[in-house]
Amino acid sequence: MLLGLLLAMERVERPLNAADTGKGLEGFLDNAQPDEVDTFVQQGLPAALERYRRRLRRGSPGKHRAA
């Protein structure tokens, strides 16, 4: 039962995180590395944010701050 509740909460949370682009954009603009800015220029914001978020999930060292 708990597992079912967790899966349902994940389904509710996923669109909310996707809708939080403004917060992601602000963090991206403050902390993007040069290769992430290149991705932004060449491929657009969605691809650049995905690359930026992937780096944050990996926990790579670099200049970023917790929101």
Protein backbone atom coordinates (compact mmCIF):
# COMPACT_ATOMS: atom_id res chain seq x y z
CA MET A 1 0.00 0.00 0.00
CA LEU A 2 2.82 2.39 0.86
CA LEU A 3 4.55 1.61 -2.42
CA GLY A 4 1.35 2.47 -4.30
CA LEU A 5 1.12 5.79 -2.47
CA LEU A 6 4.74 6.61 -3.29
CA LEU A 7 4.18 5.85 -6.97
CA ALA A 8 1.07 8.03 -7.02
CA MET A 9 2.93 10.89 -5.36
CA GLU A 10 5.70 10.62 -7.93
CA ARG A 11 3.14 10.94 -10.73
CA VAL A 12 1.72 14.06 -9.09
CA GLU A 13 5.15 15.57 -8.43
CA ARG A 14 6.60 15.04 -11.91
CA PRO A 15 4.43 17.66 -13.72
CA LEU A 16 4.96 20.11 -10.88
CA ASN A 17 8.72 19.83 -11.27
CA ALA A 18 8.41 20.27 -15.03
CA ALA A 19 6.30 23.41 -14.49
CA ASP A 20 9.04 24.87 -12.28
CA THR A 21 11.06 26.08 -15.27
CA GLY A 22 11.37 29.62 -13.93
CA LYS A 23 13.26 28.43 -10.87
CA GLY A 24 15.39 26.17 -13.06
CA LEU A 25 16.11 29.01 -15.45
CA GLU A 26 17.22 31.32 -12.64
CA GLY A 27 19.55 28.69 -11.22
CA PHE A 28 20.83 27.86 -14.68
CA LEU A 29 21.63 31.47 -15.51
CA ASP A 30 23.40 31.95 -12.17
CA ASN A 31 25.46 28.74 -12.26
CA ALA A 32 25.77 27.37 -15.80
CA GLN A 33 29.14 26.16 -16.98
CA PRO A 34 30.42 27.14 -20.44
CA ASP A 35 29.41 23.85 -22.08
CA GLU A 36 25.88 24.24 -20.69
CA VAL A 37 25.66 27.77 -22.10
CA ASP A 38 26.80 26.40 -25.48
CA THR A 39 24.00 23.83 -25.31
CA PHE A 40 21.54 26.63 -24.52
CA VAL A 41 22.65 28.64 -27.56
CA GLN A 42 22.75 25.69 -29.96
CA GLN A 43 19.84 23.51 -28.79
CA GLY A 44 17.59 25.75 -26.70
CA LEU A 45 16.51 25.99 -23.10
CA PRO A 46 15.00 22.51 -22.55
CA ALA A 47 18.19 20.72 -23.61
CA ALA A 48 20.38 23.11 -21.61
CA LEU A 49 18.27 22.72 -18.45
CA GLU A 50 18.39 18.94 -18.80
CA ARG A 51 22.17 19.00 -19.08
CA TYR A 52 22.42 21.37 -16.09
CA ARG A 53 20.08 19.25 -13.94
CA ARG A 54 21.96 16.09 -14.90
CA ARG A 55 25.19 17.68 -13.62
CA LEU A 56 23.51 18.67 -10.36
CA ARG A 57 22.12 15.16 -9.86
CA ARG A 58 25.60 13.67 -10.36
CA GLY A 59 26.92 15.98 -7.68
CA SER A 60 29.83 17.13 -9.81
CA PRO A 61 32.03 19.70 -8.14
CA GLY A 62 31.43 23.18 -9.37
CA LYS A 63 29.85 26.46 -8.51
CA HIS A 64 26.21 25.91 -7.62
CA ARG A 65 24.13 26.70 -4.62
CA ALA A 66 21.18 24.95 -3.08
CA ALA A 67 17.82 26.55 -3.73
